[in-house]
């Protein structure tokens, strides 16, 4: 039985005041549930880092309380971090059929299928996890099988919308279950956590079907072109519309990009993608068909350097080379920060003579996120006592706060949180009270968390100023130089064109060493400091650069 003083704790470990790595924690006494476990993509200064995942040290410390992980949908920023989290917390995972199918692809890669407990749920179903009852509610988004969560807690009902939009003409799955949200609102909602991505945008988000009509128009105008379409691999509805357009015009479809192939395979096996018989061909077979009878669906809509579209643009793809007769559609909006990469690809494709159609030129993309009027409708029908905007940077969360205030929700009942903040809620009160450990864990290759600020600082240093290695052999007993110093430059100067600089640098190091009695001088670390300090000063005077200096001392 819960104490009258017991409070519900709501903690975000990712996805607030940032885009990606969404993860929310609900805690009540001895029970914890986790909503989503996504990944983020590295920022430019995170050199060499592959992925960014939430810091789950707080959950590991409280592992005995964690009852399960519930998933809203199958996008990377909501499920991509799960394999790493599940290695730390082996707890049951609950999600809809397609979400679980996409997750299982990841679990197979990590060899975790046998160790992960998975439960497939359907919209309308509820599961009991400790003192929490979690109900899954059908929504619309840019991926099928998306759900919101209505979580009954000892202090009241909490709704987490997940990523959503209100699409009155969805490709499949039916319209968002507004009726259920309204009933919950009538019964009383303690806290609403709602998607803020498009809170700054007025009006309503267009239906996904509008993109299909635009595809039909472009396909009809391209009777003599080979068509390539780049889009998100998770947007199964978009892929379905491309396949439908191709089938209606007698075109074969080739799929390229590992994530695209996996998504098409999984969604068609599970019945979320209807692929006409014999329409799909292997990319190696495209030479056997007239160009105007082909459609190629590819990854790379965000300009990712290793994606299929990027390799095609650089002329490095094994099977596809760009031709002047190609029409290439980039059916996605740019994720903030990716604009330059996308424009680089568009430039390269255009230089090769292809006609590139991208956002702004035609209505070839619609968002999967609700705009202001839809967000206001969600607020209006759920009538929450407290409101916490989620999923977005500060400007998105703040715009959502202003929408809520315009509907009469008191300012003091709205909480713009940062990751790690603890929101404590009772039946009649709510306040931010303390923080938990939070942040980001960097994944580099097989290493998880072994790249931190110091390593990134060294990588930035190397990338900006290069490296000088100084090798010298010293007689251990006599303390005199036997050979060297030899200087090797990497990323600092081209040695053959800087022989005078290198020669003087060698002399500077040698003179510095000769000034000291090297035997018994305090060990190799002291001698390394002599080399580093003397060379650093000389290099700065001559070049105004500060390369990393790495002394290597050998004894004989």
Protein backbone atom coordinates (compact mmCIF):
# COMPACT_ATOMS: atom_id res chain seq x y z
CA UNK A 1 0.00 0.00 0.00
CA UNK A 2 1.47 3.35 -1.03
CA UNK A 3 2.11 5.92 1.68
CA UNK A 4 0.14 9.15 1.47
CA UNK A 5 3.46 10.95 1.24
CA UNK A 6 4.77 8.78 -1.61
CA UNK A 7 5.41 10.69 -4.82
CA UNK A 8 5.69 9.62 -8.42
CA UNK A 9 9.11 10.47 -9.83
CA UNK A 10 9.36 11.35 -13.52
CA UNK A 11 12.93 11.42 -14.81
CA UNK A 12 14.15 11.94 -18.35
CA UNK A 13 17.51 10.37 -19.22
CA UNK A 14 17.41 11.66 -22.80
CA UNK A 15 15.32 13.48 -25.39
CA UNK A 16 14.85 16.75 -23.51
CA UNK A 17 16.52 19.91 -24.82
CA UNK A 18 18.07 17.70 -27.50
CA UNK A 19 17.01 15.63 -30.50
CA UNK A 20 17.36 11.87 -30.08
CA UNK A 21 18.20 9.28 -27.41
CA UNK A 22 14.72 9.46 -25.93
CA UNK A 23 14.36 7.75 -22.57
CA UNK A 24 11.93 8.47 -19.73
CA UNK A 25 11.77 6.83 -16.30
CA UNK A 26 8.74 6.57 -14.00
CA UNK A 27 9.49 5.57 -10.42
CA UNK A 28 7.14 4.97 -7.49
CA UNK A 29 8.57 3.55 -4.26
CA UNK A 30 10.07 0.19 -5.23
CA UNK A 31 8.94 0.11 -8.88
CA UNK A 32 10.51 1.63 -11.99
CA UNK A 33 9.38 1.44 -15.61
CA UNK A 34 11.31 2.79 -18.59
CA UNK A 35 9.71 4.38 -21.67
CA UNK A 36 11.88 3.93 -24.79
CA UNK A 37 15.66 3.67 -24.99
CA UNK A 38 16.86 5.52 -28.07
CA UNK A 39 20.16 6.61 -29.52
CA UNK A 40 21.42 9.94 -30.78
CA UNK A 41 23.86 10.68 -33.54
CA UNK A 42 27.24 12.26 -32.75
CA UNK A 43 27.80 15.98 -33.07
CA UNK A 44 30.57 17.27 -35.33
CA UNK A 45 33.07 17.60 -32.50
CA UNK A 46 32.61 13.95 -31.44
CA UNK A 47 35.32 12.79 -33.79
CA UNK A 48 35.17 9.08 -34.65
CA UNK A 49 32.15 8.40 -32.42
CA UNK A 50 29.47 6.21 -34.01
CA UNK A 51 26.49 6.57 -31.65
CA UNK A 52 25.39 8.34 -28.50
CA UNK A 53 23.22 6.56 -25.92
CA UNK A 54 21.78 7.65 -22.55
CA UNK A 55 23.70 7.29 -19.31
CA UNK A 56 21.78 4.60 -17.40
CA UNK A 57 23.97 4.48 -14.28
CA UNK A 58 20.98 5.53 -12.13
CA UNK A 59 18.97 2.58 -13.46
CA UNK A 60 21.85 0.15 -13.00
CA UNK A 61 22.15 1.31 -9.38
CA UNK A 62 18.39 0.64 -8.96
CA UNK A 63 18.25 -2.45 -11.18
CA UNK A 64 16.22 -4.44 -8.63
CA UNK A 65 13.37 -1.91 -9.00
CA UNK A 66 13.13 -1.97 -12.82
CA UNK A 67 10.03 -3.89 -13.91
CA UNK A 68 10.31 -3.47 -17.69
CA UNK A 69 10.81 -1.27 -20.74
CA UNK A 70 7.79 -0.15 -22.78
CA UNK A 71 8.26 1.10 -26.34
CA UNK A 72 6.21 3.68 -28.24
CA UNK A 73 7.49 2.92 -31.77
CA UNK A 74 10.40 1.56 -33.79
CA UNK A 75 12.46 4.63 -34.70
CA UNK A 76 16.18 4.61 -33.89
CA UNK A 77 15.86 7.54 -31.50
CA UNK A 78 13.46 5.41 -29.43
CA UNK A 79 14.81 1.82 -29.71
CA UNK A 80 18.37 2.20 -31.02
CA UNK A 81 19.98 2.24 -27.57
CA UNK A 82 18.14 -0.84 -26.32
CA UNK A 83 20.82 -3.48 -27.02
CA UNK A 84 23.31 -1.46 -24.95
CA UNK A 85 20.80 -0.82 -22.15
CA UNK A 86 19.72 -4.47 -22.04
CA UNK A 87 23.33 -5.53 -21.51
CA UNK A 88 23.19 -3.52 -18.27
CA UNK A 89 19.56 -4.25 -17.36
CA UNK A 90 18.12 -7.60 -18.41
CA UNK A 91 14.43 -6.74 -18.04
CA UNK A 92 11.32 -7.55 -20.13
CA UNK A 93 10.56 -5.38 -23.18
CA UNK A 94 7.02 -4.59 -24.37
CA UNK A 95 6.16 -3.25 -27.83
CA UNK A 96 3.89 -3.65 -30.83
CA UNK A 97 4.57 -6.20 -33.55
CA UNK A 98 6.52 -4.05 -36.01
CA UNK A 99 8.43 -2.28 -33.23
CA UNK A 100 9.47 -5.65 -31.83
CA UNK A 101 10.37 -6.94 -35.29
CA UNK A 102 12.72 -4.00 -35.86
CA UNK A 103 14.19 -4.44 -32.39
CA UNK A 104 14.82 -8.11 -33.03
CA UNK A 105 17.05 -7.21 -36.00
CA UNK A 106 19.23 -5.32 -33.54
CA UNK A 107 19.17 -8.05 -30.93
CA UNK A 108 20.32 -10.58 -33.54
CA UNK A 109 23.29 -8.38 -34.43
CA UNK A 110 24.26 -8.22 -30.76
CA UNK A 111 23.63 -11.94 -30.12
CA UNK A 112 20.93 -11.15 -27.55
CA UNK A 113 17.82 -12.87 -28.89
CA UNK A 114 18.00 -15.74 -26.40
CA UNK A 115 18.64 -13.54 -23.37
CA UNK A 116 16.01 -10.84 -23.96
CA UNK A 117 12.43 -11.36 -22.75
CA UNK A 118 10.09 -9.83 -25.35
CA UNK A 119 6.32 -9.30 -25.21
CA UNK A 120 4.29 -8.23 -28.26
CA UNK A 121 1.29 -6.06 -27.40
CA UNK A 122 -1.58 -4.62 -29.43
CA UNK A 123 -3.25 -1.20 -29.11
CA UNK A 124 -5.94 -1.36 -26.43
CA UNK A 125 -4.01 -3.91 -24.39
CA UNK A 126 -2.74 -3.21 -20.86
CA UNK A 127 0.14 -4.76 -18.92
CA UNK A 128 0.80 -4.65 -15.17
CA UNK A 129 4.36 -3.77 -14.15
CA UNK A 130 4.66 -3.52 -10.38
CA UNK A 131 2.36 -0.71 -9.22
CA UNK A 132 2.05 0.60 -12.79
CA UNK A 133 -0.60 -0.39 -15.33
CA UNK A 134 0.45 0.55 -18.87
CA UNK A 135 -2.19 0.84 -21.60
CA UNK A 136 -1.12 1.06 -25.26
CA UNK A 137 -3.14 3.50 -27.40
CA UNK A 138 -3.08 3.57 -31.21
CA UNK A 139 -1.58 6.72 -32.78
CA UNK A 140 -0.37 7.92 -36.19
CA UNK A 141 3.28 8.63 -36.93
CA UNK A 142 5.75 8.21 -39.79
CA UNK A 143 6.19 4.55 -38.86
CA UNK A 144 3.46 1.96 -38.50
CA UNK A 145 2.42 0.45 -35.17
CA UNK A 146 3.09 3.59 -33.13
CA UNK A 147 1.41 3.90 -29.74
CA UNK A 148 0.93 6.33 -26.90
CA UNK A 149 0.97 5.13 -23.30
CA UNK A 150 -1.62 5.71 -20.57
CA UNK A 151 0.06 4.73 -17.31
CA UNK A 152 -2.05 4.29 -14.23
CA UNK A 153 0.00 5.05 -11.10
CA UNK A 154 -0.95 5.17 -7.40
CA UNK A 155 -1.25 8.98 -7.64
CA UNK A 156 -3.05 9.28 -10.98
CA UNK A 157 -2.92 8.67 -14.74
CA UNK A 158 0.11 9.73 -16.78
CA UNK A 159 -0.10 9.93 -20.58
CA UNK A 160 3.00 9.79 -22.76
CA UNK A 161 1.99 10.48 -26.38
CA UNK A 162 5.16 9.11 -27.96
CA UNK A 163 5.81 10.71 -31.36
CA UNK A 164 2.45 11.35 -32.99
CA UNK A 165 0.40 13.27 -35.53
CA UNK A 166 -3.33 13.25 -36.29
CA UNK A 167 -3.74 11.74 -39.76
CA UNK A 168 -7.37 11.44 -40.83
CA UNK A 169 -6.42 9.46 -43.96
CA UNK A 170 -3.56 7.19 -42.86
CA UNK A 171 -2.06 4.61 -45.20
CA UNK A 172 -3.11 1.80 -42.86
CA UNK A 173 -3.89 1.09 -39.23
CA UNK A 174 -6.73 3.56 -38.81
CA UNK A 175 -6.95 7.03 -37.32
CA UNK A 176 -5.39 7.86 -33.96
CA UNK A 177 -7.67 6.76 -31.11
CA UNK A 178 -8.78 10.25 -30.07
CA UNK A 179 -11.82 8.76 -28.38
CA UNK A 180 -9.64 6.94 -25.85
CA UNK A 181 -7.63 10.09 -25.10
CA UNK A 182 -10.87 12.01 -24.56
CA UNK A 183 -12.26 9.35 -22.20
CA UNK A 184 -9.04 9.46 -20.19
CA UNK A 185 -9.36 13.24 -20.07
CA UNK A 186 -12.89 12.95 -18.72
CA UNK A 187 -11.73 10.47 -16.06
CA UNK A 188 -8.82 12.72 -15.05
CA UNK A 189 -5.22 12.94 -16.29
CA UNK A 190 -2.58 13.88 -13.73
CA UNK A 191 0.32 14.48 -16.16
CA UNK A 192 0.61 14.73 -19.93
CA UNK A 193 3.99 14.27 -21.62
CA UNK A 194 3.57 15.25 -25.28
CA UNK A 195 5.71 15.36 -28.44
CA UNK A 196 7.04 18.90 -29.02
CA UNK A 197 8.98 18.52 -32.29
CA UNK A 198 6.62 20.69 -34.38
CA UNK A 199 5.29 22.92 -31.60
CA UNK A 200 6.66 26.01 -33.37
CA UNK A 201 4.79 25.22 -36.59
CA UNK A 202 1.24 26.50 -36.95
CA UNK A 203 -1.67 24.55 -38.40
CA UNK A 204 -1.95 20.82 -39.01
CA UNK A 205 0.54 18.31 -40.39
CA UNK A 206 -0.50 17.04 -43.81
CA UNK A 207 -1.58 13.45 -44.33
CA UNK A 208 0.92 10.89 -45.56
CA UNK A 209 -1.47 10.23 -48.46
CA UNK A 210 -0.68 13.67 -49.88
CA UNK A 211 2.86 12.47 -50.53
CA UNK A 212 1.51 9.55 -52.53
CA UNK A 213 -0.37 11.91 -54.83
CA UNK A 214 2.79 13.93 -55.41
CA UNK A 215 4.73 10.74 -56.18
CA UNK A 216 2.09 9.81 -58.77
CA UNK A 217 2.48 13.19 -60.45
CA UNK A 218 6.30 12.92 -60.52
CA UNK A 219 6.21 9.33 -61.81
CA UNK A 220 3.82 10.33 -64.59
CA UNK A 221 6.14 13.19 -65.58
CA UNK A 222 9.15 10.84 -65.60
CA UNK A 223 8.08 8.31 -68.22
CA UNK A 224 11.57 8.41 -69.78
CA UNK A 225 13.64 8.52 -66.58
CA UNK A 226 15.09 6.05 -64.16
CA UNK A 227 13.75 7.09 -60.73
CA UNK A 228 15.64 6.90 -57.45
CA UNK A 229 13.98 7.74 -54.15
CA UNK A 230 15.89 8.29 -50.92
CA UNK A 231 13.85 8.20 -47.72
CA UNK A 232 13.99 6.98 -44.13
CA UNK A 233 14.13 3.19 -44.01
CA UNK A 234 11.64 3.17 -41.14
CA UNK A 235 8.96 5.04 -43.10
CA UNK A 236 7.15 1.92 -44.25
CA UNK A 237 4.11 3.91 -45.44
CA UNK A 238 6.32 6.01 -47.71
CA UNK A 239 8.00 2.90 -49.11
CA UNK A 240 4.56 1.36 -49.71
CA UNK A 241 3.46 4.38 -51.74
CA UNK A 242 6.64 4.29 -53.83
CA UNK A 243 6.12 0.58 -54.56
CA UNK A 244 2.46 1.23 -55.44
CA UNK A 245 3.44 3.97 -57.91
CA UNK A 246 6.07 1.73 -59.49
CA UNK A 247 3.70 -1.23 -59.78
CA UNK A 248 0.95 0.87 -61.41
CA UNK A 249 3.44 1.97 -64.10
CA UNK A 250 5.05 -1.40 -64.76
CA UNK A 251 8.36 -0.59 -63.12
CA UNK A 252 10.61 -2.97 -61.19
CA UNK A 253 11.89 -1.92 -57.76
CA UNK A 254 15.43 -2.43 -56.42
CA UNK A 255 16.25 -1.78 -52.77
CA UNK A 256 19.71 -0.66 -51.60
CA UNK A 257 21.10 0.15 -48.18
CA UNK A 258 21.34 -2.35 -45.33
CA UNK A 259 18.79 -0.62 -43.08
CA UNK A 260 16.36 -0.28 -46.00
CA UNK A 261 16.70 -3.96 -46.91
CA UNK A 262 16.14 -4.98 -43.26
CA UNK A 263 13.10 -2.71 -42.91
CA UNK A 264 11.48 -3.95 -46.13
CA UNK A 265 12.16 -7.59 -45.22
CA UNK A 266 10.83 -7.27 -41.66
CA UNK A 267 7.75 -5.19 -42.49
CA UNK A 268 6.73 -7.38 -45.43
CA UNK A 269 7.16 -10.56 -43.37
CA UNK A 270 4.97 -9.09 -40.63
CA UNK A 271 2.32 -7.86 -43.06
CA UNK A 272 2.94 -4.13 -42.77
CA UNK A 273 4.22 -3.82 -46.34
CA UNK A 274 2.31 -5.21 -49.31
CA UNK A 275 4.86 -6.07 -52.01
CA UNK A 276 3.35 -7.26 -55.33
CA UNK A 277 4.74 -10.54 -56.60
CA UNK A 278 7.88 -10.29 -58.80
CA UNK A 279 8.18 -6.50 -58.49
CA UNK A 280 11.37 -6.58 -56.40
CA UNK A 281 14.69 -7.27 -58.11
CA UNK A 282 18.22 -7.45 -56.78
CA UNK A 283 20.27 -4.33 -57.40
CA UNK A 284 22.70 -6.40 -59.49
CA UNK A 285 19.85 -7.11 -61.98
CA UNK A 286 19.12 -3.48 -62.92
CA UNK A 287 21.31 -3.76 -66.04
CA UNK A 288 18.79 -6.27 -67.41
CA UNK A 289 15.93 -3.72 -67.57
CA UNK A 290 15.31 -0.49 -69.50
CA UNK A 291 16.10 2.51 -67.33
CA UNK A 292 12.58 3.91 -67.60
CA UNK A 293 11.25 0.65 -66.12
CA UNK A 294 13.24 0.96 -62.88
CA UNK A 295 12.75 2.51 -59.46
CA UNK A 296 15.57 2.36 -56.91
CA UNK A 297 14.70 2.94 -53.25
CA UNK A 298 17.72 3.87 -51.17
CA UNK A 299 18.96 5.10 -47.82
CA UNK A 300 20.85 8.36 -47.46
CA UNK A 301 18.14 11.01 -47.22
CA UNK A 302 20.19 12.72 -44.49
CA UNK A 303 23.46 12.77 -46.41
CA UNK A 304 25.07 10.11 -44.22
CA UNK A 305 28.60 9.60 -45.56
CA UNK A 306 28.42 5.80 -45.75
CA UNK A 307 24.84 5.55 -47.04
CA UNK A 308 24.00 4.15 -50.47
CA UNK A 309 23.00 7.55 -51.88
CA UNK A 310 26.26 9.15 -50.72
CA UNK A 311 28.29 6.39 -52.37
CA UNK A 312 26.25 6.78 -55.56
CA UNK A 313 26.86 10.55 -55.54
CA UNK A 314 30.62 10.00 -55.13
CA UNK A 315 30.66 7.41 -57.91
CA UNK A 316 31.69 4.66 -55.50
CA UNK A 317 28.66 2.35 -55.63
CA UNK A 318 29.27 -1.08 -57.09
CA UNK A 319 26.03 -1.33 -59.09
CA UNK A 320 24.62 2.18 -59.55
CA UNK A 321 26.19 5.12 -61.33
CA UNK A 322 24.38 8.41 -61.89
CA UNK A 323 23.25 9.23 -65.42
CA UNK A 324 21.85 12.48 -66.87
CA UNK A 325 18.53 10.73 -67.44
CA UNK A 326 18.09 9.96 -63.73
CA UNK A 327 15.45 11.66 -61.61
CA UNK A 328 16.36 11.49 -57.92
CA UNK A 329 13.82 12.29 -55.19
CA UNK A 330 15.04 13.01 -51.65
CA UNK A 331 11.84 12.36 -49.71
CA UNK A 332 12.70 13.63 -46.24
CA UNK A 333 13.26 16.84 -44.34
CA UNK A 334 16.73 17.52 -43.02
CA UNK A 335 17.41 16.73 -39.39
CA UNK A 336 18.91 19.89 -37.81
CA UNK A 337 22.66 19.86 -38.44
CA UNK A 338 22.48 17.66 -41.55
CA UNK A 339 21.67 20.42 -44.03
CA UNK A 340 25.24 20.78 -45.32
CA UNK A 341 25.63 17.04 -45.91
CA UNK A 342 22.37 16.93 -47.87
CA UNK A 343 23.31 19.93 -50.02
CA UNK A 344 26.69 18.35 -50.76
CA UNK A 345 24.94 15.24 -52.10
CA UNK A 346 22.47 17.31 -54.14
CA UNK A 347 25.41 19.22 -55.65
CA UNK A 348 27.30 16.05 -56.56
CA UNK A 349 24.24 14.42 -58.11
CA UNK A 350 23.40 17.59 -60.05
CA UNK A 351 26.98 17.87 -61.38
CA UNK A 352 26.52 14.42 -62.90
CA UNK A 353 23.46 15.69 -64.78
CA UNK A 354 20.68 14.12 -62.70
CA UNK A 355 17.54 16.07 -61.85
CA UNK A 356 17.23 16.17 -58.08
CA UNK A 357 13.89 16.90 -56.39
CA UNK A 358 14.07 17.74 -52.70
CA UNK A 359 11.98 19.37 -49.99
CA UNK A 360 10.83 22.82 -51.01
CA UNK A 361 10.63 21.90 -54.72
CA UNK A 362 7.65 19.57 -54.31
CA UNK A 363 5.42 18.13 -51.57
CA UNK A 364 7.49 14.94 -51.35
CA UNK A 365 7.67 14.81 -47.58
CA UNK A 366 5.34 15.34 -44.66
CA UNK A 367 6.32 15.26 -41.03
CA UNK A 368 5.35 12.49 -38.67
CA UNK A 369 4.94 14.98 -35.85
CA UNK A 370 1.90 17.01 -34.81
CA UNK A 371 1.87 20.76 -35.44
CA UNK A 372 0.42 23.40 -33.11
CA UNK A 373 -3.30 22.80 -33.74
CA UNK A 374 -2.96 19.04 -33.23
CA UNK A 375 -0.95 19.58 -30.05
CA UNK A 376 -3.65 21.94 -28.77
CA UNK A 377 -6.29 19.31 -29.55
CA UNK A 378 -4.34 16.71 -27.53
CA UNK A 379 -4.05 19.12 -24.60
CA UNK A 380 -7.74 20.03 -24.86
CA UNK A 381 -9.13 16.51 -24.83
CA UNK A 382 -6.79 15.06 -22.17
CA UNK A 383 -7.18 18.11 -19.85
CA UNK A 384 -4.05 17.33 -17.79
CA UNK A 385 -3.49 18.84 -14.34
CA UNK A 386 0.26 19.01 -15.02
CA UNK A 387 2.04 19.22 -18.33
CA UNK A 388 5.60 18.29 -19.32
CA UNK A 389 6.57 18.88 -22.97
CA UNK A 390 9.00 16.22 -24.25
CA UNK A 391 10.93 15.32 -27.38
CA UNK A 392 12.70 18.42 -28.60
CA UNK A 393 15.22 21.15 -28.00
CA UNK A 394 14.47 23.99 -25.58
CA UNK A 395 12.82 26.15 -28.26
CA UNK A 396 10.40 23.31 -29.09
CA UNK A 397 9.58 22.61 -25.44
CA UNK A 398 9.07 26.31 -24.73
CA UNK A 399 6.76 26.75 -27.75
CA UNK A 400 4.71 23.79 -26.49
CA UNK A 401 4.57 25.40 -23.04
CA UNK A 402 3.13 28.57 -24.59
CA UNK A 403 0.49 26.53 -26.44
CA UNK A 404 -0.54 24.94 -23.14
CA UNK A 405 -0.71 28.32 -21.41
CA UNK A 406 -2.90 29.66 -24.24
CA UNK A 407 -5.39 26.91 -23.37
CA UNK A 408 -5.52 27.95 -19.72
CA UNK A 409 -3.05 25.54 -18.10
CA UNK A 410 -1.37 27.53 -15.29
CA UNK A 411 2.28 28.38 -15.85
CA UNK A 412 3.24 26.85 -12.50
CA UNK A 413 1.76 23.50 -13.62
CA UNK A 414 3.99 23.27 -16.70
CA UNK A 415 7.51 21.86 -16.35
CA UNK A 416 10.29 22.33 -18.90
CA UNK A 417 12.82 19.80 -17.70
CA UNK A 418 16.44 18.95 -18.40
CA UNK A 419 17.77 15.42 -18.56
CA UNK A 420 18.49 14.16 -15.06
CA UNK A 421 15.90 16.41 -13.38
CA UNK A 422 13.48 14.66 -11.02
CA UNK A 423 9.84 15.79 -11.21
CA UNK A 424 8.00 14.63 -8.09
CA UNK A 425 4.23 14.48 -8.40
CA UNK A 426 1.59 13.82 -5.79
CA UNK A 427 -2.16 13.84 -6.24
CA UNK A 428 -2.30 17.58 -5.58
CA UNK A 429 1.22 18.89 -6.00
CA UNK A 430 4.24 18.72 -8.27
CA UNK A 431 7.75 20.13 -8.09
CA UNK A 432 11.24 19.58 -9.46
CA UNK A 433 13.28 18.05 -6.66
CA UNK A 434 16.90 17.12 -7.30
CA UNK A 435 18.70 15.32 -10.09
CA UNK A 436 20.06 11.88 -10.90
CA UNK A 437 23.24 10.98 -12.82
CA UNK A 438 22.58 11.53 -16.53
CA UNK A 439 24.27 12.53 -19.75
CA UNK A 440 25.58 10.67 -22.74
CA UNK A 441 27.63 7.54 -23.30
CA UNK A 442 29.64 7.44 -26.51
CA UNK A 443 29.81 4.29 -28.64
CA UNK A 444 32.90 3.96 -30.83
CA UNK A 445 33.16 0.65 -32.67
CA UNK A 446 32.88 -2.08 -30.05
CA UNK A 447 33.78 0.30 -27.24
CA UNK A 448 30.90 1.59 -25.11
CA UNK A 449 31.77 4.47 -22.79
CA UNK A 450 35.54 4.18 -23.19
CA UNK A 451 35.67 7.41 -25.21
CA UNK A 452 35.19 10.40 -22.94
CA UNK A 453 36.06 14.08 -22.82
CA UNK A 454 39.81 13.52 -22.52
CA UNK A 455 39.92 11.19 -25.54
CA UNK A 456 37.76 13.59 -27.56
CA UNK A 457 40.03 16.48 -26.54
CA UNK A 458 43.06 14.54 -27.82
CA UNK A 459 41.23 13.71 -31.06
CA UNK A 460 40.34 17.36 -31.59
CA UNK A 461 43.93 18.34 -30.87
CA UNK A 462 45.23 15.80 -33.39
CA UNK A 463 42.65 16.83 -36.00
CA UNK A 464 43.47 20.52 -35.68
CA UNK A 465 47.24 20.60 -35.16
CA UNK A 466 48.62 17.16 -35.98
CA UNK A 467 51.23 15.05 -34.21
CA UNK A 468 55.01 15.13 -33.81
CA UNK A 469 56.77 12.00 -32.56
CA UNK A 470 60.29 12.44 -31.17
CA UNK A 471 62.36 9.26 -30.88
CA UNK A 472 65.67 9.33 -28.99
CA UNK A 473 67.91 6.57 -27.61
CA UNK A 474 69.79 7.39 -24.40
CA UNK A 475 72.51 5.48 -22.60
CA UNK A 476 70.94 4.60 -19.27
CA UNK A 477 74.17 4.61 -17.29
CA UNK A 478 76.10 7.45 -18.90
CA UNK A 479 73.10 9.66 -19.64
CA UNK A 480 74.21 10.63 -23.13
CA UNK A 481 72.42 10.40 -26.47
CA UNK A 482 73.21 7.28 -28.47
CA UNK A 483 70.97 8.06 -31.47
CA UNK A 484 68.44 10.63 -32.52
CA UNK A 485 66.52 12.65 -31.87
CA UNK A 486 64.50 11.58 -34.90
CA UNK A 487 61.33 13.55 -35.58
CA UNK A 488 58.26 12.14 -37.34
CA UNK A 489 55.41 14.44 -38.42
CA UNK A 490 51.81 13.33 -38.97
CA UNK A 491 49.23 15.94 -39.90
CA UNK A 492 51.53 18.82 -38.91
CA UNK A 493 53.74 19.59 -41.91
CA UNK A 494 54.83 17.70 -45.01
CA UNK A 495 58.38 16.76 -44.05
CA UNK A 496 59.87 16.87 -47.57
CA UNK A 497 58.79 20.48 -47.93
CA UNK A 498 59.85 21.46 -44.40
CA UNK A 499 63.32 19.95 -44.09
CA UNK A 500 64.83 23.11 -42.59
CA UNK A 501 62.12 23.27 -39.90
CA UNK A 502 62.59 19.59 -39.03
CA UNK A 503 66.38 19.94 -38.94
CA UNK A 504 66.17 22.92 -36.59
CA UNK A 505 63.62 21.12 -34.43
CA UNK A 506 66.01 18.17 -34.04
CA UNK A 507 68.76 20.56 -33.02
CA UNK A 508 66.51 22.30 -30.47
CA UNK A 509 65.70 18.96 -28.81
CA UNK A 510 69.33 17.85 -28.86
CA UNK A 511 70.52 21.14 -27.33
CA UNK A 512 67.87 20.93 -24.60
CA UNK A 513 68.93 17.40 -23.71
CA UNK A 514 72.62 18.30 -23.74
CA UNK A 515 72.01 21.06 -21.20
CA UNK A 516 70.90 18.51 -18.61
CA UNK A 517 72.71 15.68 -16.86
CA UNK A 518 70.41 12.94 -18.14
CA UNK A 519 71.64 10.14 -15.88
CA UNK A 520 69.69 10.19 -12.65
CA UNK A 521 67.73 13.27 -13.80
CA UNK A 522 64.48 11.99 -12.36
CA UNK A 523 63.47 9.23 -14.71
CA UNK A 524 62.17 9.13 -18.22
CA UNK A 525 59.11 11.30 -17.48
CA UNK A 526 61.35 14.26 -16.61
CA UNK A 527 63.36 13.80 -19.82
CA UNK A 528 60.11 13.60 -21.83
CA UNK A 529 59.05 16.92 -20.33
CA UNK A 530 62.36 18.51 -21.43
CA UNK A 531 61.73 17.32 -24.99
CA UNK A 532 58.08 18.37 -24.97
CA UNK A 533 58.66 21.84 -23.51
CA UNK A 534 61.63 22.79 -25.70
CA UNK A 535 60.00 21.60 -28.91
CA UNK A 536 56.61 23.10 -28.09
CA UNK A 537 58.12 26.57 -27.65
CA UNK A 538 60.17 26.33 -30.83
CA UNK A 539 57.27 25.07 -32.97
CA UNK A 540 54.96 27.81 -31.70
CA UNK A 541 57.51 30.54 -32.44
CA UNK A 542 58.06 29.26 -35.97
CA UNK A 543 54.52 28.22 -37.02
CA UNK A 544 52.00 29.48 -34.41
CA UNK A 545 50.74 25.89 -34.19
CA UNK A 546 50.54 23.52 -31.24
CA UNK A 547 50.79 19.93 -32.46
CA UNK A 548 50.58 17.06 -30.00
CA UNK A 549 54.17 16.11 -29.10
CA UNK A 550 54.82 12.48 -28.25
CA UNK A 551 58.37 11.74 -26.97
CA UNK A 552 59.53 8.12 -27.18
CA UNK A 553 62.70 7.30 -25.23
CA UNK A 554 64.60 4.06 -25.65
CA UNK A 555 67.47 3.05 -23.43
CA UNK A 556 70.56 0.99 -24.19
